N, C-alpha and C. Protein backbone atom coordinates (compact mmCIF):
# COMPACT_ATOMS: atom_id res chain seq x y z
N MET A 1 -83.02 48.82 -20.09
CA MET A 1 -82.22 47.59 -20.66
C MET A 1 -81.47 47.39 -19.57
N ASP A 2 -82.57 46.34 -18.65
CA ASP A 2 -81.78 45.72 -17.55
C ASP A 2 -80.43 44.92 -17.67
N TYR A 3 -80.63 44.03 -18.86
CA TYR A 3 -79.48 43.37 -19.36
C TYR A 3 -78.03 44.18 -19.18
N GLU A 4 -78.49 45.31 -19.66
CA GLU A 4 -77.18 46.17 -20.15
C GLU A 4 -76.60 47.00 -18.86
N GLU A 5 -77.79 47.35 -18.06
CA GLU A 5 -77.19 48.24 -16.86
C GLU A 5 -76.24 46.78 -15.61
N ALA A 6 -76.89 45.86 -16.03
CA ALA A 6 -76.35 44.54 -15.04
C ALA A 6 -74.97 43.86 -15.30
N TYR A 7 -75.00 44.21 -16.49
CA TYR A 7 -73.86 43.66 -16.92
C TYR A 7 -72.38 44.87 -17.36
N LEU A 8 -72.93 46.22 -17.18
CA LEU A 8 -71.93 46.73 -17.03
C LEU A 8 -71.45 47.14 -15.47
N VAL A 9 -72.39 46.70 -14.64
CA VAL A 9 -71.71 47.25 -13.36
C VAL A 9 -71.26 45.87 -13.03
N GLU A 10 -71.75 44.98 -13.28
CA GLU A 10 -70.25 43.64 -13.23
C GLU A 10 -69.42 43.78 -13.55
N GLU A 11 -69.25 44.14 -15.20
CA GLU A 11 -67.83 44.69 -15.85
C GLU A 11 -66.90 45.34 -15.29
N TYR A 12 -67.62 46.88 -14.74
CA TYR A 12 -66.93 47.80 -14.15
C TYR A 12 -66.68 48.06 -12.62
N THR A 13 -67.44 46.81 -11.88
CA THR A 13 -66.84 46.93 -10.58
C THR A 13 -66.07 45.86 -10.09
N ASP A 14 -64.73 46.32 -10.13
CA ASP A 14 -63.77 45.57 -9.15
C ASP A 14 -63.66 45.12 -7.84
N THR A 15 -64.40 45.71 -7.28
CA THR A 15 -64.63 45.40 -5.53
C THR A 15 -65.79 45.71 -5.56
N ARG A 16 -65.96 45.26 -4.02
CA ARG A 16 -67.18 45.22 -3.06
C ARG A 16 -67.42 46.87 -2.99
N PHE A 17 -66.42 47.69 -3.24
CA PHE A 17 -66.05 48.98 -2.17
C PHE A 17 -66.42 50.18 -3.54
N HIS A 18 -66.49 49.32 -4.90
CA HIS A 18 -67.20 50.04 -5.77
C HIS A 18 -68.58 50.55 -5.84
N SER A 19 -68.99 51.75 -6.17
CA SER A 19 -70.50 52.07 -6.27
C SER A 19 -70.68 52.88 -7.76
N LEU A 20 -71.48 51.64 -8.91
CA LEU A 20 -71.32 52.66 -9.74
C LEU A 20 -73.25 52.62 -10.31
N ASP A 21 -73.56 53.48 -11.13
CA ASP A 21 -74.69 53.63 -11.89
C ASP A 21 -74.79 53.81 -13.36
N PHE A 22 -75.38 53.12 -14.20
CA PHE A 22 -75.23 53.53 -15.59
C PHE A 22 -76.52 53.88 -16.00
N SER A 23 -76.84 54.42 -17.15
CA SER A 23 -77.97 54.83 -17.66
C SER A 23 -77.81 54.41 -19.00
N VAL A 24 -78.93 53.59 -19.48
CA VAL A 24 -78.69 53.10 -21.08
C VAL A 24 -79.99 53.49 -21.54
N GLU A 25 -80.23 53.68 -23.20
CA GLU A 25 -80.88 54.16 -24.04
C GLU A 25 -80.65 53.65 -25.55
N LEU A 26 -81.80 53.79 -25.88
CA LEU A 26 -81.64 53.06 -27.75
C LEU A 26 -81.03 54.50 -28.36
N GLU A 27 -79.90 53.90 -28.96
CA GLU A 27 -79.33 54.92 -29.90
C GLU A 27 -80.30 55.04 -31.51
N GLN A 28 -80.90 53.94 -31.87
CA GLN A 28 -81.55 54.29 -32.82
C GLN A 28 -82.78 53.74 -32.89
N THR A 29 -83.87 53.51 -33.45
CA THR A 29 -85.53 52.69 -33.48
C THR A 29 -84.68 51.59 -33.81
N PRO A 30 -85.76 49.96 -33.12
CA PRO A 30 -85.22 49.01 -33.31
C PRO A 30 -85.48 48.71 -34.64
N ASN A 31 -84.90 47.71 -35.27
CA ASN A 31 -84.66 47.17 -36.60
C ASN A 31 -84.84 45.63 -36.62
N LYS A 32 -86.51 45.50 -37.10
CA LYS A 32 -87.04 44.05 -37.41
C LYS A 32 -86.07 43.48 -38.24
N LEU A 33 -86.02 41.98 -37.70
CA LEU A 33 -85.94 41.37 -38.73
C LEU A 33 -86.34 40.04 -38.86
N ALA A 34 -86.07 39.05 -39.90
CA ALA A 34 -87.23 38.02 -39.51
C ALA A 34 -87.82 37.26 -38.50
N ARG A 35 -86.84 36.87 -37.51
CA ARG A 35 -86.78 36.47 -36.58
C ARG A 35 -87.23 37.28 -34.93
N GLY A 36 -86.71 38.46 -35.15
CA GLY A 36 -86.30 39.51 -34.22
C GLY A 36 -86.08 40.30 -34.40
N PHE A 37 -85.51 41.23 -33.73
CA PHE A 37 -85.59 42.61 -33.77
C PHE A 37 -83.93 43.04 -33.09
N HIS A 38 -83.15 43.78 -34.05
CA HIS A 38 -81.77 44.24 -33.74
C HIS A 38 -81.75 45.53 -33.09
N LEU A 39 -81.30 45.61 -31.51
CA LEU A 39 -81.23 46.81 -31.19
C LEU A 39 -79.73 47.54 -31.22
N THR A 40 -79.67 48.65 -30.90
CA THR A 40 -78.33 49.49 -30.57
C THR A 40 -78.50 50.29 -29.07
N VAL A 41 -78.01 50.24 -28.52
CA VAL A 41 -77.74 51.07 -26.85
C VAL A 41 -76.64 51.64 -26.74
N LYS A 42 -76.91 53.03 -26.52
CA LYS A 42 -75.59 53.64 -25.42
C LYS A 42 -75.34 53.58 -24.07
N SER A 43 -74.49 53.84 -23.67
CA SER A 43 -74.59 54.06 -22.17
C SER A 43 -73.71 55.10 -21.25
N ALA A 44 -73.83 55.54 -20.33
CA ALA A 44 -72.97 56.24 -19.54
C ALA A 44 -72.93 56.01 -18.67
N GLY A 45 -72.06 56.08 -17.34
CA GLY A 45 -72.08 55.69 -15.84
C GLY A 45 -70.89 56.27 -15.12
N ALA A 46 -71.48 56.54 -13.89
CA ALA A 46 -70.37 57.37 -13.04
C ALA A 46 -70.59 56.49 -11.41
N GLY A 47 -69.76 56.77 -10.50
CA GLY A 47 -69.67 56.17 -9.51
C GLY A 47 -68.59 57.16 -8.57
N SER A 48 -68.12 55.90 -7.66
CA SER A 48 -67.26 56.20 -6.56
C SER A 48 -66.84 54.86 -5.81
N VAL A 49 -65.44 54.87 -5.29
CA VAL A 49 -64.75 53.76 -4.86
C VAL A 49 -64.20 54.32 -2.93
N ASP A 50 -65.21 53.44 -2.32
CA ASP A 50 -65.03 53.84 -1.03
C ASP A 50 -63.16 53.61 -0.76
N ASP A 51 -62.94 54.31 0.49
CA ASP A 51 -61.66 53.72 1.17
C ASP A 51 -61.43 52.48 1.50
N TYR A 52 -60.54 51.49 1.24
CA TYR A 52 -60.46 50.30 1.34
C TYR A 52 -59.08 49.77 1.93
N LEU A 53 -58.53 48.72 2.34
CA LEU A 53 -57.11 48.27 1.93
C LEU A 53 -57.13 47.09 1.34
N HIS A 54 -55.53 46.79 0.39
CA HIS A 54 -55.39 45.73 0.10
C HIS A 54 -54.45 45.42 0.81
N ILE A 55 -54.69 44.00 1.36
CA ILE A 55 -53.38 43.34 1.90
C ILE A 55 -52.86 42.01 1.41
N GLN A 56 -51.56 42.34 1.36
CA GLN A 56 -50.84 41.08 0.02
C GLN A 56 -49.84 40.54 1.14
N ALA A 57 -49.51 39.29 1.20
CA ALA A 57 -48.15 38.76 1.79
C ALA A 57 -47.96 37.97 0.88
N SER A 58 -46.21 37.46 0.92
CA SER A 58 -45.74 37.02 0.31
C SER A 58 -44.55 36.14 1.23
N GLU A 59 -44.47 34.88 0.84
CA GLU A 59 -43.12 34.32 1.23
C GLU A 59 -41.76 35.25 1.18
N VAL A 60 -40.35 35.23 1.61
CA VAL A 60 -39.72 36.11 0.92
C VAL A 60 -38.36 35.19 1.29
N ASP A 61 -37.31 35.54 -0.01
CA ASP A 61 -36.29 34.91 0.10
C ASP A 61 -35.48 34.91 1.67
N SER A 62 -34.07 34.67 1.38
CA SER A 62 -33.09 34.80 2.75
C SER A 62 -32.97 36.27 2.77
N ASN A 63 -32.96 37.30 1.26
CA ASN A 63 -32.56 39.07 1.50
C ASN A 63 -33.77 39.42 1.98
N GLY A 64 -35.24 39.17 2.41
CA GLY A 64 -36.38 39.76 2.33
C GLY A 64 -37.25 40.28 1.61
N ILE A 65 -36.72 39.60 -0.02
CA ILE A 65 -37.44 39.93 -1.24
C ILE A 65 -38.55 38.65 -1.34
N PRO A 66 -39.63 39.46 -1.66
CA PRO A 66 -40.80 38.55 -2.31
C PRO A 66 -40.78 37.60 -2.99
N GLU A 67 -41.27 36.42 -2.84
CA GLU A 67 -40.81 35.39 -4.16
C GLU A 67 -41.73 35.14 -4.90
N ALA A 68 -42.65 35.96 -4.78
CA ALA A 68 -44.25 36.03 -5.79
C ALA A 68 -44.04 37.45 -6.21
N GLU A 69 -42.96 37.64 -7.18
CA GLU A 69 -42.41 39.13 -7.52
C GLU A 69 -43.94 39.45 -8.75
N GLN A 70 -44.35 38.71 -8.85
CA GLN A 70 -45.46 38.90 -10.31
C GLN A 70 -46.43 39.30 -9.70
N ASN A 71 -46.61 39.11 -8.02
CA ASN A 71 -47.73 39.68 -7.68
C ASN A 71 -47.47 40.86 -6.60
N MET A 72 -46.47 40.88 -6.11
CA MET A 72 -46.00 41.75 -5.15
C MET A 72 -44.49 42.50 -5.29
N ARG A 73 -44.05 43.01 -5.70
CA ARG A 73 -42.73 43.82 -6.12
C ARG A 73 -42.51 45.12 -5.02
N ILE A 74 -41.17 45.15 -4.58
CA ILE A 74 -40.80 46.33 -3.86
C ILE A 74 -38.93 46.24 -4.22
N ASP A 75 -38.85 47.83 -4.05
CA ASP A 75 -37.80 48.17 -4.19
C ASP A 75 -36.91 47.60 -3.35
N GLU A 76 -35.80 46.79 -3.74
CA GLU A 76 -34.48 46.40 -2.88
C GLU A 76 -34.26 47.36 -1.96
N SER A 77 -34.10 48.52 -2.26
CA SER A 77 -33.75 49.43 -1.31
C SER A 77 -34.49 50.12 -0.22
N VAL A 78 -35.78 49.60 0.07
CA VAL A 78 -36.48 49.72 1.09
C VAL A 78 -36.61 48.58 2.20
N VAL A 79 -35.82 47.64 1.84
CA VAL A 79 -35.42 46.02 2.63
C VAL A 79 -34.35 46.58 3.67
N PRO A 80 -34.51 46.36 4.96
CA PRO A 80 -33.69 46.37 5.86
C PRO A 80 -32.79 45.87 6.00
N GLU A 81 -31.31 46.03 6.03
CA GLU A 81 -30.13 45.28 5.90
C GLU A 81 -30.51 44.11 6.68
N GLU A 82 -30.92 43.83 7.79
CA GLU A 82 -31.18 42.84 8.38
C GLU A 82 -32.30 42.47 8.90
N PRO A 83 -33.56 41.93 8.37
CA PRO A 83 -34.73 41.79 8.67
C PRO A 83 -34.96 41.31 9.96
N GLU A 84 -35.82 41.51 10.32
CA GLU A 84 -36.36 41.08 11.89
C GLU A 84 -37.79 40.67 11.64
N TYR A 85 -37.61 39.51 11.99
CA TYR A 85 -39.19 38.80 11.98
C TYR A 85 -39.93 38.42 13.08
N ILE A 86 -41.20 39.16 13.10
CA ILE A 86 -41.82 38.81 14.12
C ILE A 86 -42.72 37.92 14.08
N SER A 87 -43.17 37.07 15.41
CA SER A 87 -43.62 35.95 15.49
C SER A 87 -45.16 35.83 14.92
N ILE A 88 -45.96 35.01 14.48
CA ILE A 88 -47.17 35.13 14.02
C ILE A 88 -48.36 35.24 15.40
N ASP A 89 -47.68 34.69 15.93
CA ASP A 89 -48.42 34.57 17.46
C ASP A 89 -48.58 35.75 18.38
N GLU A 90 -48.04 36.99 17.70
CA GLU A 90 -48.30 38.13 18.09
C GLU A 90 -49.28 38.88 17.71
N VAL A 91 -49.59 38.34 16.49
CA VAL A 91 -50.90 38.65 15.31
C VAL A 91 -52.12 38.74 16.16
N GLU A 92 -52.95 39.64 16.63
CA GLU A 92 -54.14 39.24 17.01
C GLU A 92 -55.37 39.43 16.09
N ASP A 93 -55.37 40.12 15.66
CA ASP A 93 -55.94 40.36 14.61
C ASP A 93 -56.68 39.01 13.16
N GLN A 94 -57.39 38.82 13.36
CA GLN A 94 -57.91 37.75 12.68
C GLN A 94 -57.66 37.68 11.23
N ILE A 95 -58.06 38.86 10.65
CA ILE A 95 -57.92 38.75 8.87
C ILE A 95 -56.22 38.65 8.64
N LEU A 96 -55.56 39.43 9.19
CA LEU A 96 -53.99 39.46 9.21
C LEU A 96 -53.30 38.25 9.39
N HIS A 97 -53.88 37.74 10.40
CA HIS A 97 -53.61 36.31 10.73
C HIS A 97 -53.85 35.25 9.49
N ALA A 98 -55.21 35.16 9.33
CA ALA A 98 -55.44 34.39 7.58
C ALA A 98 -54.48 34.41 7.02
N VAL A 99 -54.54 35.99 6.51
CA VAL A 99 -53.61 36.53 5.50
C VAL A 99 -51.89 35.45 5.69
N LEU A 100 -51.27 35.79 6.64
CA LEU A 100 -50.16 35.30 6.93
C LEU A 100 -50.19 33.84 6.60
N GLN A 101 -51.10 33.32 7.33
CA GLN A 101 -50.89 31.82 7.30
C GLN A 101 -51.27 31.22 6.08
N LEU A 102 -52.30 31.81 4.97
CA LEU A 102 -52.07 31.14 3.78
C LEU A 102 -50.90 31.65 2.71
N ALA A 103 -50.07 32.68 2.72
CA ALA A 103 -49.24 33.49 2.04
C ALA A 103 -48.14 32.31 2.63
N ALA A 104 -48.36 31.59 3.95
CA ALA A 104 -47.22 30.90 4.01
C ALA A 104 -47.54 29.44 3.39
N ASP A 105 -48.48 29.09 3.77
CA ASP A 105 -48.86 27.62 3.04
C ASP A 105 -48.83 27.79 1.47
N THR A 106 -49.31 28.92 0.68
CA THR A 106 -49.23 28.90 -0.35
C THR A 106 -48.10 29.73 -1.61
N GLY A 107 -47.67 30.52 -0.45
CA GLY A 107 -46.24 31.10 -1.50
C GLY A 107 -47.12 32.84 -1.41
N TYR A 108 -48.36 33.18 -1.77
CA TYR A 108 -49.09 34.33 -1.64
C TYR A 108 -50.32 34.59 -1.32
N GLU A 109 -50.62 35.61 -1.05
CA GLU A 109 -51.97 35.57 -0.83
C GLU A 109 -52.39 36.97 -0.39
N ASN A 110 -53.61 37.47 -0.74
CA ASN A 110 -53.92 38.86 -1.01
C ASN A 110 -55.74 39.08 -0.41
N HIS A 111 -56.17 40.22 0.36
CA HIS A 111 -57.27 40.28 0.35
C HIS A 111 -57.98 41.79 0.56
N ARG A 112 -58.63 42.33 0.67
CA ARG A 112 -59.78 43.40 0.66
C ARG A 112 -60.41 43.44 1.93
N THR A 113 -60.15 44.50 2.68
CA THR A 113 -60.94 45.34 3.38
C THR A 113 -61.37 46.38 3.63
N ALA A 114 -62.26 46.72 4.45
CA ALA A 114 -62.77 47.91 4.65
C ALA A 114 -61.76 48.87 5.23
N PHE A 115 -61.54 50.03 5.36
CA PHE A 115 -60.60 51.07 5.55
C PHE A 115 -60.49 50.98 7.51
N THR A 116 -59.32 50.96 7.91
CA THR A 116 -59.43 51.18 9.65
C THR A 116 -58.30 51.74 9.82
N PRO A 117 -57.98 52.33 10.55
CA PRO A 117 -56.74 52.90 11.22
C PRO A 117 -55.97 51.76 11.82
N GLN A 118 -56.64 51.00 12.58
CA GLN A 118 -55.70 50.09 13.15
C GLN A 118 -54.85 49.40 12.71
N TYR A 119 -54.78 49.03 11.61
CA TYR A 119 -53.86 48.34 10.74
C TYR A 119 -52.76 49.24 10.64
N GLU A 120 -52.63 50.56 10.27
CA GLU A 120 -51.80 51.45 10.32
C GLU A 120 -50.98 51.89 11.30
N GLU A 121 -51.79 52.13 12.31
CA GLU A 121 -51.36 52.26 13.89
C GLU A 121 -50.29 50.82 14.42
N SER A 122 -50.73 49.79 14.04
CA SER A 122 -49.86 48.74 14.51
C SER A 122 -48.73 48.38 13.99
N LEU A 123 -48.63 48.97 12.56
CA LEU A 123 -47.20 48.59 11.98
C LEU A 123 -46.63 49.80 12.15
N ASP A 124 -46.98 50.88 12.76
CA ASP A 124 -46.19 52.04 12.64
C ASP A 124 -45.50 52.19 14.08
N ASN A 125 -45.49 51.19 15.07
CA ASN A 125 -44.98 50.89 16.40
C ASN A 125 -43.79 49.78 16.28
N LEU A 126 -43.68 49.05 14.84
CA LEU A 126 -42.85 48.07 15.06
C LEU A 126 -41.49 48.32 14.97
N SER A 127 -40.64 47.82 15.33
CA SER A 127 -39.12 47.87 15.06
C SER A 127 -38.80 48.11 13.74
N PRO A 128 -37.86 49.19 13.54
CA PRO A 128 -37.56 49.55 12.00
C PRO A 128 -37.08 48.50 11.35
N ASN A 129 -36.26 47.61 11.75
CA ASN A 129 -35.79 46.28 11.23
C ASN A 129 -36.89 45.50 10.95
N ALA A 130 -38.06 45.30 11.64
CA ALA A 130 -39.00 44.62 11.02
C ALA A 130 -40.06 45.11 9.92
N SER A 131 -39.84 46.30 9.76
CA SER A 131 -40.78 47.06 8.52
C SER A 131 -39.89 47.68 7.12
N LEU A 132 -40.82 47.99 6.38
CA LEU A 132 -40.03 48.42 5.13
C LEU A 132 -39.47 50.01 5.12
N ASN A 133 -38.51 50.35 4.60
CA ASN A 133 -37.83 51.83 4.90
C ASN A 133 -38.82 52.66 3.75
N ASP A 134 -39.82 52.68 3.90
CA ASP A 134 -40.60 53.36 3.15
C ASP A 134 -41.77 53.95 3.79
N ARG A 135 -42.86 54.90 2.80
CA ARG A 135 -44.35 55.05 3.09
C ARG A 135 -44.96 53.59 3.15
N ARG A 136 -45.10 52.87 2.57
CA ARG A 136 -45.59 51.97 2.33
C ARG A 136 -45.91 51.07 3.90
N MET A 137 -47.09 50.73 3.95
CA MET A 137 -47.25 49.88 5.55
C MET A 137 -46.94 48.33 5.15
N GLY A 138 -45.58 48.41 5.88
CA GLY A 138 -44.85 46.96 5.34
C GLY A 138 -44.08 46.19 6.38
N ALA A 139 -44.35 45.26 6.92
CA ALA A 139 -43.55 44.18 7.60
C ALA A 139 -43.63 42.84 7.75
N TYR A 140 -42.18 42.57 8.40
CA TYR A 140 -41.83 40.88 8.42
C TYR A 140 -42.65 40.39 9.32
N PHE A 141 -42.91 38.92 8.99
CA PHE A 141 -43.40 37.92 9.84
C PHE A 141 -42.84 36.47 10.05
N ASP A 142 -42.68 35.97 10.97
CA ASP A 142 -42.29 34.67 11.19
C ASP A 142 -43.54 33.55 11.19
N VAL A 143 -43.67 33.05 9.83
CA VAL A 143 -45.54 31.97 10.47
C VAL A 143 -44.72 30.52 10.69
N ASN A 144 -44.51 30.03 11.77
CA ASN A 144 -43.87 28.93 11.93
C ASN A 144 -42.71 28.63 11.30
N GLY A 145 -41.68 29.28 11.18
CA GLY A 145 -40.56 29.03 10.42
C GLY A 145 -40.50 29.44 9.17
N THR A 146 -41.66 30.22 8.27
CA THR A 146 -41.99 30.56 6.89
C THR A 146 -41.80 31.94 7.15
N TYR A 147 -40.77 32.76 6.54
CA TYR A 147 -40.62 33.81 6.92
C TYR A 147 -41.81 34.62 5.74
N VAL A 148 -42.95 36.02 6.14
CA VAL A 148 -43.48 36.20 5.19
C VAL A 148 -43.17 37.86 5.40
N LEU A 149 -43.37 38.50 3.99
CA LEU A 149 -43.90 39.97 3.95
C LEU A 149 -45.46 40.27 3.80
N LEU A 150 -45.42 41.41 4.89
CA LEU A 150 -46.90 41.61 4.77
C LEU A 150 -47.25 43.10 4.22
N ILE A 151 -47.95 43.43 2.94
CA ILE A 151 -47.80 45.10 2.75
C ILE A 151 -49.67 45.25 2.62
N ILE A 152 -49.67 46.55 3.24
CA ILE A 152 -51.01 47.06 3.10
C ILE A 152 -51.00 48.75 2.76
N ASP A 153 -52.00 48.34 1.72
CA ASP A 153 -52.20 49.66 0.87
C ASP A 153 -53.21 50.16 0.92
N ARG A 154 -53.35 51.54 1.13
CA ARG A 154 -54.69 52.23 1.13
C ARG A 154 -55.35 52.49 -0.38
N GLN A 155 -56.51 52.38 -0.63
CA GLN A 155 -56.56 52.44 -1.88
C GLN A 155 -58.29 53.29 -2.04
N GLY A 156 -58.76 53.29 -2.81
CA GLY A 156 -59.97 54.39 -3.36
C GLY A 156 -60.35 55.46 -2.74
N GLY A 157 -61.33 55.41 -2.42
CA GLY A 157 -61.60 56.96 -2.06
C GLY A 157 -61.39 58.30 -2.77
N ASN A 158 -62.29 57.54 -4.02
CA ASN A 158 -62.28 58.52 -5.27
C ASN A 158 -63.67 58.44 -6.22
N SER A 159 -63.90 59.34 -7.00
CA SER A 159 -65.24 59.10 -7.55
C SER A 159 -64.48 58.74 -9.13
N ILE A 160 -65.32 58.42 -9.80
CA ILE A 160 -65.54 57.65 -11.13
C ILE A 160 -66.37 57.86 -12.26
N ASP A 161 -65.86 59.16 -12.81
CA ASP A 161 -66.72 60.14 -13.65
C ASP A 161 -66.72 59.74 -15.43
N GLU A 162 -67.59 59.87 -15.50
CA GLU A 162 -67.59 59.99 -17.34
C GLU A 162 -67.29 58.69 -17.83
N ILE A 163 -68.36 56.98 -17.44
CA ILE A 163 -67.55 55.80 -18.11
C ILE A 163 -68.58 56.05 -19.51
N ASP A 164 -68.12 56.13 -20.76
CA ASP A 164 -68.62 56.06 -21.56
C ASP A 164 -68.41 54.71 -22.45
N VAL A 165 -69.84 54.23 -22.92
CA VAL A 165 -70.15 52.76 -23.42
C VAL A 165 -71.24 52.70 -24.88
N GLY A 166 -70.06 51.95 -25.46
CA GLY A 166 -70.97 51.64 -26.43
C GLY A 166 -70.36 51.96 -27.58
N PRO A 167 -71.23 51.90 -29.41
CA PRO A 167 -72.39 51.58 -28.93
C PRO A 167 -72.42 50.12 -28.76
N ILE A 168 -73.80 49.03 -28.42
CA ILE A 168 -73.71 48.12 -28.18
C ILE A 168 -75.18 47.42 -28.65
N GLN A 169 -74.84 46.06 -29.36
CA GLN A 169 -75.59 45.68 -30.36
C GLN A 169 -76.39 43.97 -29.72
N TYR A 170 -77.68 44.34 -29.37
CA TYR A 170 -78.60 43.01 -29.27
C TYR A 170 -79.52 42.58 -30.28
N TYR A 171 -79.58 41.58 -30.12
CA TYR A 171 -80.23 40.46 -31.03
C TYR A 171 -81.51 40.09 -29.99
N VAL A 172 -82.43 40.56 -30.07
CA VAL A 172 -83.92 40.11 -29.36
C VAL A 172 -84.59 39.26 -30.24
N THR A 173 -84.95 37.65 -29.77
CA THR A 173 -86.24 37.36 -30.62
C THR A 173 -87.30 36.75 -28.90
N GLU A 174 -88.19 35.86 -28.95
CA GLU A 174 -89.36 35.41 -28.34
C GLU A 174 -88.46 34.83 -27.54
N TYR A 175 -87.33 33.80 -27.92
CA TYR A 175 -86.40 33.00 -26.89
C TYR A 175 -85.09 32.75 -26.55
N VAL A 176 -84.24 33.93 -27.41
CA VAL A 176 -83.19 34.24 -26.94
C VAL A 176 -82.85 35.31 -27.12
N ILE A 177 -81.76 36.28 -26.19
CA ILE A 177 -81.06 37.49 -26.26
C ILE A 177 -80.00 37.44 -26.52
N ARG A 178 -79.15 37.94 -27.37
CA ARG A 178 -77.73 37.74 -27.36
C ARG A 178 -77.10 39.53 -27.18
N ARG A 179 -75.85 39.45 -27.36
CA ARG A 179 -75.17 40.45 -26.74
C ARG A 179 -73.59 40.77 -27.57
N THR A 180 -73.73 42.14 -28.29
CA THR A 180 -72.11 42.26 -28.61
C THR A 180 -71.57 43.72 -28.61
N ASP A 181 -70.18 43.85 -28.12
CA ASP A 181 -69.92 45.25 -28.12
C ASP A 181 -68.68 45.16 -29.39
N GLU A 182 -68.60 44.38 -30.36
CA GLU A 182 -68.05 44.34 -31.33
C GLU A 182 -68.39 44.78 -32.52
N GLU A 183 -67.38 46.28 -33.29
CA GLU A 183 -68.21 46.78 -34.27
C GLU A 183 -68.44 45.77 -35.49
N ASN A 184 -68.01 45.19 -35.60
CA ASN A 184 -67.90 44.10 -37.09
C ASN A 184 -68.71 42.89 -36.58
N GLU A 185 -69.12 42.70 -35.71
CA GLU A 185 -69.93 41.43 -35.29
C GLU A 185 -71.15 41.68 -35.36
N SER A 186 -71.82 40.52 -36.06
CA SER A 186 -73.37 40.38 -36.06
C SER A 186 -73.74 40.06 -34.71
N PRO A 187 -74.81 41.10 -34.17
CA PRO A 187 -75.29 40.72 -32.71
C PRO A 187 -76.34 39.41 -32.55
N GLU A 188 -76.68 38.73 -34.12
CA GLU A 188 -76.96 37.36 -33.97
C GLU A 188 -76.33 36.29 -33.50
N ASP A 189 -74.65 36.36 -33.72
CA ASP A 189 -73.27 35.97 -33.20
C ASP A 189 -72.91 36.16 -31.85
N GLY A 190 -73.72 37.16 -30.90
CA GLY A 190 -73.42 37.63 -30.09
C GLY A 190 -73.52 36.93 -28.66
N THR A 191 -72.70 36.94 -27.44
CA THR A 191 -73.05 36.28 -26.45
C THR A 191 -74.97 36.19 -25.55
N VAL A 192 -74.79 34.62 -25.40
CA VAL A 192 -75.94 34.43 -25.12
C VAL A 192 -75.98 35.33 -23.77
N VAL A 193 -77.32 36.43 -23.18
CA VAL A 193 -77.17 36.77 -22.26
C VAL A 193 -78.48 35.83 -21.22
N GLU A 194 -79.86 35.79 -22.53
CA GLU A 194 -80.84 35.15 -22.02
C GLU A 194 -81.23 34.04 -22.74
N CYS A 195 -81.39 32.69 -22.24
CA CYS A 195 -82.05 31.73 -23.06
C CYS A 195 -83.16 31.38 -22.52
N ARG A 196 -84.78 31.21 -23.47
CA ARG A 196 -85.84 30.50 -23.04
C ARG A 196 -86.45 29.34 -23.66
N ILE A 197 -86.72 28.38 -23.06
CA ILE A 197 -87.00 26.89 -23.70
C ILE A 197 -88.43 27.01 -24.26
N PRO A 198 -88.61 26.76 -25.70
CA PRO A 198 -90.17 26.97 -26.42
C PRO A 198 -90.77 26.27 -25.48
N ASP A 199 -92.15 26.53 -25.40
CA ASP A 199 -93.23 25.47 -24.29
C ASP A 199 -93.38 24.20 -24.87
N GLY A 200 -93.47 22.96 -24.60
CA GLY A 200 -93.78 22.02 -25.10
C GLY A 200 -92.48 20.99 -25.77
N ILE A 201 -91.28 21.74 -24.86
CA ILE A 201 -90.44 20.70 -25.64
C ILE A 201 -89.64 20.55 -24.26
């Protein structure tokens, strides 16, 4: 069931750093209907997530608190009493520079990139007033007059075990394939995953 494998990989892959595999098998003998077949399948999967960095940046208020609180929350206790803002001109890394500029332009920006220790090393060497007072990698920047907080979180580096999915129902005809994961929905009313126009139309 290539359709099901492809669907599950897309459904459970949050980032390009996820690597997942699924096995799909028929749960019962296909049931022949008037115009096609009703199939029920079950699936199981596993995989891993490589180390990566989630880079976020938000415009901050006069107290150094992110304006985009719905995306980036911090405890006020980790904010230095008098935040020191580093000029964006001192940022040489292209990714960080772009994220900071977009955050200044739109209020918030985020980006995921492969793990590298260079970001942690660069933020560790900052003045205490230019960074957060906790273990998170965070620093304040002045982007041409707009104050922005940049936070870098290391994520991934773990395995994903025992992803059980199903049962999934398919309705298959010569011209259409439909899918549903709703127990009380007929597969004939499911989502179309492939459609072929009959010859001669």
